[in-house]
Amino acid sequence: MGIIYEGHLVGTDLKIGIVVARFNEFITNKLVDGAIDTLKRHGVADENIDTAWVPGAYEIPLIAGKMAGNEKYDAVITLGTVIRGSTPHFDYVCNEAAKGISSASLQSGKPVIFGVLTTETIEQAIERAGTKAGNKGAEAAVSAIEMANLTRSLES
């Protein structure tokens, strides 16, 4: 049997970038809090967590790509909240943000974690920001740690 690669959840020597959309800030603040708390609980030092704020989810991919392209970051977490309205704008923003975030990861070769909430209602967003459905920011942080360590193990 060959080698089995798995990431572990220890972040003591990781440098993490977080890109956060300011739109729907009352929700994204909870996602950021969940992400940072989780990173710290897994050993990522406070000084190894950098946060960049952008206007909205559509702007996330550019800055996520810049961070992922910077050698100092092991992984990038993207956080935002897009709530469906009565126009097709929701679909355009969600699709382009998802494509751009994926592209940033593939182009940089680093984990760029999708932590953008795309919900039908504000209630669903609130549930995913720390109430009934957990905190998706915290879940994104766990994924970032695991994927950063897995990526490192495949490079050595």
N, C-alpha and C. Protein backbone atom coordinates (compact mmCIF):
# COMPACT_ATOMS: atom_id res chain seq x y z
N MET A 1 0.84 -1.18 0.00
CA MET A 1 0.00 0.00 0.00
C MET A 1 0.88 1.24 0.00
N GLY A 2 0.47 2.25 -0.73
CA GLY A 2 1.22 3.50 -0.82
C GLY A 2 1.00 4.38 0.39
N ILE A 3 1.50 5.57 0.29
CA ILE A 3 1.39 6.56 1.36
C ILE A 3 -0.03 7.12 1.40
N ILE A 4 -0.54 7.33 2.59
CA ILE A 4 -1.82 8.00 2.78
C ILE A 4 -1.54 9.39 3.33
N TYR A 5 -2.00 10.40 2.63
CA TYR A 5 -1.80 11.78 3.06
C TYR A 5 -3.08 12.33 3.67
N GLU A 6 -2.94 12.93 4.83
CA GLU A 6 -4.05 13.61 5.48
C GLU A 6 -3.51 14.85 6.18
N GLY A 7 -4.29 15.91 6.17
CA GLY A 7 -3.89 17.09 6.91
C GLY A 7 -4.24 16.92 8.37
N HIS A 8 -3.47 17.56 9.23
CA HIS A 8 -3.79 17.52 10.66
C HIS A 8 -4.26 18.90 11.10
N LEU A 9 -4.80 18.97 12.29
CA LEU A 9 -5.45 20.19 12.75
C LEU A 9 -4.63 20.96 13.78
N VAL A 10 -3.33 21.02 13.56
CA VAL A 10 -2.44 21.80 14.42
C VAL A 10 -1.92 22.97 13.59
N GLY A 11 -2.19 24.18 14.07
CA GLY A 11 -1.82 25.35 13.28
C GLY A 11 -0.69 26.17 13.83
N THR A 12 0.15 25.58 14.69
CA THR A 12 1.16 26.36 15.41
C THR A 12 2.13 27.12 14.52
N ASP A 13 2.46 26.62 13.36
CA ASP A 13 3.43 27.33 12.51
C ASP A 13 2.81 27.83 11.21
N LEU A 14 1.50 28.01 11.20
CA LEU A 14 0.81 28.46 9.99
C LEU A 14 0.58 29.96 10.00
N LYS A 15 0.60 30.55 8.82
CA LYS A 15 0.24 31.96 8.61
C LYS A 15 -1.01 31.96 7.74
N ILE A 16 -2.09 32.54 8.23
CA ILE A 16 -3.39 32.49 7.57
C ILE A 16 -3.85 33.89 7.20
N GLY A 17 -4.31 34.04 5.97
CA GLY A 17 -4.95 35.28 5.53
C GLY A 17 -6.45 35.08 5.51
N ILE A 18 -7.17 36.11 5.88
CA ILE A 18 -8.64 36.07 5.83
C ILE A 18 -9.10 37.26 5.00
N VAL A 19 -9.97 37.00 4.03
CA VAL A 19 -10.57 38.07 3.23
C VAL A 19 -12.06 38.10 3.57
N VAL A 20 -12.54 39.26 3.98
CA VAL A 20 -13.91 39.38 4.47
C VAL A 20 -14.66 40.46 3.70
N ALA A 21 -15.86 40.13 3.24
CA ALA A 21 -16.73 41.10 2.60
C ALA A 21 -17.46 41.91 3.66
N ARG A 22 -17.41 43.22 3.53
CA ARG A 22 -18.04 44.11 4.50
C ARG A 22 -19.57 44.11 4.37
N PHE A 23 -20.09 43.83 3.19
CA PHE A 23 -21.54 43.83 2.98
C PHE A 23 -22.18 42.80 3.91
N ASN A 24 -23.27 43.13 4.52
CA ASN A 24 -23.92 42.30 5.55
C ASN A 24 -22.97 42.07 6.73
N GLU A 25 -22.30 43.14 7.12
CA GLU A 25 -21.24 43.08 8.13
C GLU A 25 -21.71 42.52 9.47
N PHE A 26 -22.96 42.75 9.83
CA PHE A 26 -23.44 42.23 11.12
C PHE A 26 -23.41 40.70 11.14
N ILE A 27 -23.45 40.07 9.98
CA ILE A 27 -23.32 38.61 9.89
C ILE A 27 -21.86 38.22 9.70
N THR A 28 -21.16 38.91 8.79
CA THR A 28 -19.77 38.52 8.52
C THR A 28 -18.88 38.72 9.75
N ASN A 29 -19.21 39.69 10.60
CA ASN A 29 -18.43 39.84 11.84
C ASN A 29 -18.47 38.56 12.67
N LYS A 30 -19.62 37.91 12.72
CA LYS A 30 -19.74 36.65 13.48
C LYS A 30 -18.93 35.54 12.81
N LEU A 31 -18.89 35.54 11.48
CA LEU A 31 -18.07 34.55 10.77
C LEU A 31 -16.59 34.77 11.07
N VAL A 32 -16.17 36.03 11.06
CA VAL A 32 -14.77 36.35 11.37
C VAL A 32 -14.43 35.93 12.79
N ASP A 33 -15.29 36.27 13.73
CA ASP A 33 -15.05 35.87 15.13
C ASP A 33 -14.92 34.36 15.25
N GLY A 34 -15.80 33.62 14.59
CA GLY A 34 -15.73 32.16 14.62
C GLY A 34 -14.44 31.63 14.01
N ALA A 35 -14.02 32.22 12.90
CA ALA A 35 -12.79 31.78 12.23
C ALA A 35 -11.57 32.05 13.10
N ILE A 36 -11.46 33.27 13.60
CA ILE A 36 -10.28 33.63 14.40
C ILE A 36 -10.22 32.82 15.69
N ASP A 37 -11.34 32.67 16.36
CA ASP A 37 -11.38 31.86 17.58
C ASP A 37 -10.92 30.43 17.29
N THR A 38 -11.39 29.86 16.21
CA THR A 38 -11.01 28.48 15.86
C THR A 38 -9.54 28.38 15.50
N LEU A 39 -9.04 29.34 14.73
CA LEU A 39 -7.61 29.33 14.39
C LEU A 39 -6.76 29.37 15.65
N LYS A 40 -7.10 30.25 16.58
CA LYS A 40 -6.33 30.36 17.82
C LYS A 40 -6.42 29.08 18.65
N ARG A 41 -7.61 28.49 18.72
CA ARG A 41 -7.77 27.25 19.50
C ARG A 41 -6.95 26.11 18.91
N HIS A 42 -6.64 26.20 17.64
CA HIS A 42 -5.82 25.17 16.99
C HIS A 42 -4.36 25.57 16.90
N GLY A 43 -3.97 26.62 17.62
CA GLY A 43 -2.57 26.95 17.76
C GLY A 43 -2.02 28.02 16.83
N VAL A 44 -2.84 28.62 16.00
CA VAL A 44 -2.35 29.70 15.14
C VAL A 44 -2.18 30.95 16.00
N ALA A 45 -0.99 31.51 15.97
CA ALA A 45 -0.70 32.70 16.78
C ALA A 45 -1.44 33.91 16.24
N ASP A 46 -1.84 34.79 17.14
CA ASP A 46 -2.57 36.01 16.77
C ASP A 46 -1.84 36.80 15.69
N GLU A 47 -0.53 36.92 15.81
CA GLU A 47 0.25 37.69 14.84
C GLU A 47 0.38 36.99 13.49
N ASN A 48 -0.06 35.74 13.41
CA ASN A 48 -0.03 34.99 12.15
C ASN A 48 -1.39 34.94 11.45
N ILE A 49 -2.29 35.82 11.88
CA ILE A 49 -3.61 35.92 11.25
C ILE A 49 -3.78 37.35 10.74
N ASP A 50 -3.84 37.50 9.43
CA ASP A 50 -4.05 38.81 8.81
C ASP A 50 -5.44 38.84 8.18
N THR A 51 -6.12 39.97 8.32
CA THR A 51 -7.47 40.11 7.79
C THR A 51 -7.54 41.31 6.85
N ALA A 52 -8.11 41.07 5.66
CA ALA A 52 -8.33 42.14 4.69
C ALA A 52 -9.84 42.27 4.46
N TRP A 53 -10.34 43.48 4.56
CA TRP A 53 -11.77 43.74 4.35
C TRP A 53 -11.97 44.30 2.95
N VAL A 54 -12.96 43.77 2.24
CA VAL A 54 -13.32 44.24 0.90
C VAL A 54 -14.80 44.66 0.93
N PRO A 55 -15.24 45.45 -0.07
CA PRO A 55 -16.63 45.92 -0.03
C PRO A 55 -17.69 44.82 -0.05
N GLY A 56 -17.55 43.85 -0.93
CA GLY A 56 -18.57 42.80 -1.04
C GLY A 56 -17.97 41.49 -1.52
N ALA A 57 -18.82 40.48 -1.67
CA ALA A 57 -18.35 39.15 -2.06
C ALA A 57 -17.72 39.13 -3.45
N TYR A 58 -18.20 39.98 -4.34
CA TYR A 58 -17.66 40.03 -5.70
C TYR A 58 -16.18 40.43 -5.70
N GLU A 59 -15.77 41.21 -4.72
CA GLU A 59 -14.39 41.70 -4.63
C GLU A 59 -13.45 40.73 -3.91
N ILE A 60 -13.98 39.71 -3.30
CA ILE A 60 -13.16 38.76 -2.54
C ILE A 60 -12.08 38.09 -3.40
N PRO A 61 -12.39 37.57 -4.59
CA PRO A 61 -11.38 36.79 -5.34
C PRO A 61 -10.08 37.54 -5.63
N LEU A 62 -10.15 38.82 -5.96
CA LEU A 62 -8.93 39.57 -6.27
C LEU A 62 -7.98 39.58 -5.08
N ILE A 63 -8.49 39.93 -3.91
CA ILE A 63 -7.63 40.02 -2.73
C ILE A 63 -7.23 38.63 -2.24
N ALA A 64 -8.13 37.67 -2.35
CA ALA A 64 -7.78 36.29 -1.99
C ALA A 64 -6.63 35.80 -2.88
N GLY A 65 -6.69 36.13 -4.16
CA GLY A 65 -5.61 35.75 -5.07
C GLY A 65 -4.29 36.42 -4.73
N LYS A 66 -4.35 37.69 -4.35
CA LYS A 66 -3.13 38.41 -3.95
C LYS A 66 -2.53 37.77 -2.70
N MET A 67 -3.37 37.47 -1.72
CA MET A 67 -2.87 36.84 -0.50
C MET A 67 -2.31 35.44 -0.79
N ALA A 68 -3.05 34.66 -1.56
CA ALA A 68 -2.60 33.30 -1.87
C ALA A 68 -1.30 33.31 -2.67
N GLY A 69 -1.11 34.34 -3.47
CA GLY A 69 0.12 34.45 -4.26
C GLY A 69 1.31 34.94 -3.45
N ASN A 70 1.08 35.37 -2.22
CA ASN A 70 2.14 35.85 -1.35
C ASN A 70 2.71 34.67 -0.57
N GLU A 71 4.00 34.50 -0.63
CA GLU A 71 4.67 33.35 0.01
C GLU A 71 4.43 33.25 1.51
N LYS A 72 4.11 34.38 2.15
CA LYS A 72 3.99 34.31 3.61
C LYS A 72 2.74 33.58 4.10
N TYR A 73 1.73 33.42 3.24
CA TYR A 73 0.50 32.76 3.67
C TYR A 73 0.48 31.28 3.30
N ASP A 74 0.05 30.46 4.24
CA ASP A 74 -0.12 29.02 4.00
C ASP A 74 -1.51 28.71 3.47
N ALA A 75 -2.48 29.53 3.82
CA ALA A 75 -3.86 29.35 3.37
C ALA A 75 -4.59 30.67 3.50
N VAL A 76 -5.68 30.77 2.76
CA VAL A 76 -6.53 31.96 2.80
C VAL A 76 -7.97 31.51 3.03
N ILE A 77 -8.64 32.21 3.93
CA ILE A 77 -10.06 31.95 4.21
C ILE A 77 -10.85 33.11 3.62
N THR A 78 -11.92 32.81 2.89
CA THR A 78 -12.78 33.86 2.37
C THR A 78 -14.13 33.80 3.09
N LEU A 79 -14.59 34.96 3.55
CA LEU A 79 -15.83 35.03 4.31
C LEU A 79 -16.72 36.15 3.78
N GLY A 80 -17.98 35.87 3.66
CA GLY A 80 -18.93 36.87 3.21
C GLY A 80 -20.33 36.32 3.34
N THR A 81 -21.29 37.18 3.05
CA THR A 81 -22.70 36.78 3.12
C THR A 81 -23.45 37.40 1.95
N VAL A 82 -24.03 36.54 1.12
CA VAL A 82 -24.86 36.99 0.01
C VAL A 82 -26.25 36.40 0.24
N ILE A 83 -27.24 37.28 0.31
CA ILE A 83 -28.61 36.86 0.57
C ILE A 83 -29.46 37.17 -0.66
N ARG A 84 -30.21 36.19 -1.10
CA ARG A 84 -31.02 36.37 -2.31
C ARG A 84 -32.02 37.51 -2.14
N GLY A 85 -32.11 38.31 -3.17
CA GLY A 85 -33.11 39.38 -3.23
C GLY A 85 -34.10 39.05 -4.34
N SER A 86 -34.70 40.07 -4.90
CA SER A 86 -35.73 39.85 -5.92
C SER A 86 -35.21 39.98 -7.35
N THR A 87 -33.90 40.14 -7.50
CA THR A 87 -33.31 40.25 -8.84
C THR A 87 -32.27 39.15 -9.05
N PRO A 88 -31.80 38.96 -10.28
CA PRO A 88 -30.78 37.93 -10.54
C PRO A 88 -29.38 38.28 -10.02
N HIS A 89 -29.23 39.44 -9.42
CA HIS A 89 -27.93 39.88 -8.91
C HIS A 89 -27.27 38.83 -8.02
N PHE A 90 -28.06 38.20 -7.16
CA PHE A 90 -27.58 37.15 -6.25
C PHE A 90 -26.83 36.07 -7.02
N ASP A 91 -27.43 35.58 -8.11
CA ASP A 91 -26.82 34.50 -8.88
C ASP A 91 -25.49 34.92 -9.48
N TYR A 92 -25.43 36.13 -10.02
CA TYR A 92 -24.19 36.61 -10.63
C TYR A 92 -23.09 36.74 -9.59
N VAL A 93 -23.40 37.35 -8.48
CA VAL A 93 -22.40 37.55 -7.43
C VAL A 93 -21.91 36.21 -6.88
N CYS A 94 -22.83 35.31 -6.56
CA CYS A 94 -22.44 34.01 -6.01
C CYS A 94 -21.59 33.21 -6.98
N ASN A 95 -22.02 33.15 -8.23
CA ASN A 95 -21.27 32.38 -9.23
C ASN A 95 -19.88 32.94 -9.46
N GLU A 96 -19.78 34.24 -9.62
CA GLU A 96 -18.47 34.84 -9.88
C GLU A 96 -17.55 34.77 -8.66
N ALA A 97 -18.10 34.95 -7.48
CA ALA A 97 -17.28 34.82 -6.27
C ALA A 97 -16.74 33.40 -6.15
N ALA A 98 -17.60 32.42 -6.34
CA ALA A 98 -17.17 31.01 -6.22
C ALA A 98 -16.12 30.67 -7.27
N LYS A 99 -16.34 31.09 -8.51
CA LYS A 99 -15.36 30.81 -9.57
C LYS A 99 -14.03 31.49 -9.28
N GLY A 100 -14.10 32.74 -8.85
CA GLY A 100 -12.89 33.49 -8.57
C GLY A 100 -12.10 32.93 -7.40
N ILE A 101 -12.79 32.51 -6.37
CA ILE A 101 -12.12 31.93 -5.21
C ILE A 101 -11.45 30.61 -5.59
N SER A 102 -12.14 29.79 -6.34
CA SER A 102 -11.57 28.53 -6.83
C SER A 102 -10.36 28.80 -7.71
N SER A 103 -10.47 29.76 -8.58
CA SER A 103 -9.36 30.12 -9.47
C SER A 103 -8.14 30.59 -8.69
N ALA A 104 -8.36 31.38 -7.64
CA ALA A 104 -7.25 31.85 -6.80
C ALA A 104 -6.50 30.68 -6.19
N SER A 105 -7.23 29.68 -5.76
CA SER A 105 -6.60 28.49 -5.18
C SER A 105 -5.81 27.72 -6.23
N LEU A 106 -6.43 27.47 -7.36
CA LEU A 106 -5.76 26.68 -8.40
C LEU A 106 -4.55 27.41 -8.97
N GLN A 107 -4.63 28.71 -9.15
CA GLN A 107 -3.51 29.47 -9.71
C GLN A 107 -2.35 29.59 -8.74
N SER A 108 -2.65 29.68 -7.46
CA SER A 108 -1.59 29.85 -6.46
C SER A 108 -1.04 28.52 -5.96
N GLY A 109 -1.83 27.47 -6.08
CA GLY A 109 -1.43 26.19 -5.52
C GLY A 109 -1.59 26.13 -4.01
N LYS A 110 -2.32 27.09 -3.46
CA LYS A 110 -2.55 27.14 -2.02
C LYS A 110 -4.04 27.00 -1.72
N PRO A 111 -4.36 26.52 -0.53
CA PRO A 111 -5.77 26.43 -0.16
C PRO A 111 -6.39 27.82 -0.02
N VAL A 112 -7.46 28.05 -0.74
CA VAL A 112 -8.27 29.25 -0.58
C VAL A 112 -9.67 28.73 -0.27
N ILE A 113 -10.06 28.88 0.96
CA ILE A 113 -11.26 28.23 1.49
C ILE A 113 -12.50 29.09 1.28
N PHE A 114 -13.54 28.47 0.75
CA PHE A 114 -14.80 29.15 0.47
C PHE A 114 -15.67 29.16 1.73
N GLY A 115 -15.76 30.31 2.36
CA GLY A 115 -16.59 30.47 3.54
C GLY A 115 -17.65 31.55 3.34
N VAL A 116 -18.08 31.70 2.10
CA VAL A 116 -19.09 32.71 1.77
C VAL A 116 -20.48 32.09 1.90
N LEU A 117 -21.29 32.66 2.76
CA LEU A 117 -22.67 32.19 2.89
C LEU A 117 -23.48 32.65 1.68
N THR A 118 -24.22 31.74 1.10
CA THR A 118 -25.13 32.07 -0.01
C THR A 118 -26.49 31.53 0.40
N THR A 119 -27.33 32.41 0.90
CA THR A 119 -28.58 31.96 1.50
C THR A 119 -29.80 32.61 0.85
N GLU A 120 -30.91 31.96 1.03
CA GLU A 120 -32.18 32.47 0.51
C GLU A 120 -32.75 33.58 1.39
N THR A 121 -32.47 33.50 2.70
CA THR A 121 -33.06 34.46 3.63
C THR A 121 -32.03 34.92 4.65
N ILE A 122 -32.33 36.04 5.27
CA ILE A 122 -31.45 36.55 6.32
C ILE A 122 -31.44 35.59 7.51
N GLU A 123 -32.56 34.93 7.77
CA GLU A 123 -32.63 33.97 8.88
C GLU A 123 -31.66 32.81 8.66
N GLN A 124 -31.58 32.33 7.43
CA GLN A 124 -30.63 31.25 7.12
C GLN A 124 -29.20 31.72 7.34
N ALA A 125 -28.90 32.95 6.97
CA ALA A 125 -27.55 33.48 7.16
C ALA A 125 -27.21 33.56 8.65
N ILE A 126 -28.14 34.06 9.43
CA ILE A 126 -27.92 34.18 10.88
C ILE A 126 -27.71 32.80 11.50
N GLU A 127 -28.49 31.82 11.07
CA GLU A 127 -28.33 30.45 11.59
C GLU A 127 -26.94 29.91 11.31
N ARG A 128 -26.34 30.27 10.19
CA ARG A 128 -25.04 29.74 9.79
C ARG A 128 -23.88 30.57 10.33
N ALA A 129 -24.21 31.64 11.03
CA ALA A 129 -23.18 32.50 11.59
C ALA A 129 -23.07 32.34 13.10
N GLY A 130 -23.49 31.19 13.60
CA GLY A 130 -23.26 30.93 15.01
C GLY A 130 -24.45 30.50 15.82
N THR A 131 -25.60 30.29 15.19
CA THR A 131 -26.73 29.81 15.98
C THR A 131 -27.01 28.36 15.63
N LYS A 132 -28.20 28.03 15.16
CA LYS A 132 -28.62 26.64 14.94
C LYS A 132 -27.68 25.81 14.07
N ALA A 133 -27.19 26.39 13.00
CA ALA A 133 -26.42 25.61 12.02
C ALA A 133 -24.92 25.76 12.21
N GLY A 134 -24.48 26.14 13.40
CA GLY A 134 -23.05 26.29 13.66
C GLY A 134 -22.52 27.59 13.10
N ASN A 135 -21.20 27.70 13.04
CA ASN A 135 -20.56 28.90 12.52
C ASN A 135 -19.70 28.50 11.32
N LYS A 136 -20.10 28.95 10.15
CA LYS A 136 -19.39 28.56 8.92
C LYS A 136 -18.01 29.19 8.85
N GLY A 137 -17.78 30.28 9.58
CA GLY A 137 -16.43 30.84 9.67
C GLY A 137 -15.50 29.90 10.41
N ALA A 138 -15.99 29.32 11.49
CA ALA A 138 -15.21 28.33 12.25
C ALA A 138 -14.92 27.11 11.40
N GLU A 139 -15.92 26.65 10.65
CA GLU A 139 -15.72 25.49 9.77
C GLU A 139 -14.68 25.79 8.69
N ALA A 140 -14.71 27.00 8.15
CA ALA A 140 -13.73 27.39 7.13
C ALA A 140 -12.31 27.40 7.72
N ALA A 141 -12.19 27.83 8.97
CA ALA A 141 -10.88 27.86 9.63
C ALA A 141 -10.32 26.45 9.80
N VAL A 142 -11.16 25.51 10.19
CA VAL A 142 -10.72 24.11 10.33
C VAL A 142 -10.24 23.59 8.97
N SER A 143 -11.00 23.87 7.92
CA SER A 143 -10.60 23.44 6.58
C SER A 143 -9.27 24.05 6.17
N ALA A 144 -9.07 25.34 6.49
CA ALA A 144 -7.83 26.01 6.14
C ALA A 144 -6.63 25.36 6.81
N ILE A 145 -6.75 25.05 8.09
CA ILE A 145 -5.65 24.41 8.81
C ILE A 145 -5.35 23.04 8.22
N GLU A 146 -6.38 22.25 8.03
CA GLU A 146 -6.18 20.90 7.49
C GLU A 146 -5.57 20.95 6.09
N MET A 147 -6.09 21.80 5.24
CA MET A 147 -5.60 21.86 3.86
C MET A 147 -4.19 22.45 3.78
N ALA A 148 -3.87 23.42 4.63
CA ALA A 148 -2.51 23.98 4.65
C ALA A 148 -1.51 22.89 5.03
N ASN A 149 -1.84 22.10 6.03
CA ASN A 149 -0.94 21.02 6.45
C ASN A 149 -0.86 19.92 5.41
N LEU A 150 -1.97 19.59 4.77
CA LEU A 150 -1.96 18.58 3.72
C LEU A 150 -1.12 19.05 2.54
N THR A 151 -1.29 20.29 2.14
CA THR A 151 -0.50 20.85 1.04
C THR A 151 0.98 20.80 1.36
N ARG A 152 1.35 21.18 2.58
CA ARG A 152 2.76 21.12 3.00
C ARG A 152 3.30 19.70 2.91
N SER A 153 2.52 18.74 3.38
CA SER A 153 3.02 17.35 3.38
C SER A 153 3.22 16.83 1.96
N LEU A 154 2.45 17.31 1.02
CA LEU A 154 2.62 16.88 -0.37
C LEU A 154 3.78 17.59 -1.06
N GLU A 155 4.23 18.70 -0.51
CA GLU A 155 5.34 19.45 -1.09
C GLU A 155 6.68 19.01 -0.54
N SER A 156 6.69 18.26 0.55
CA SER A 156 7.98 17.87 1.15
C SER A 156 8.38 16.47 0.76
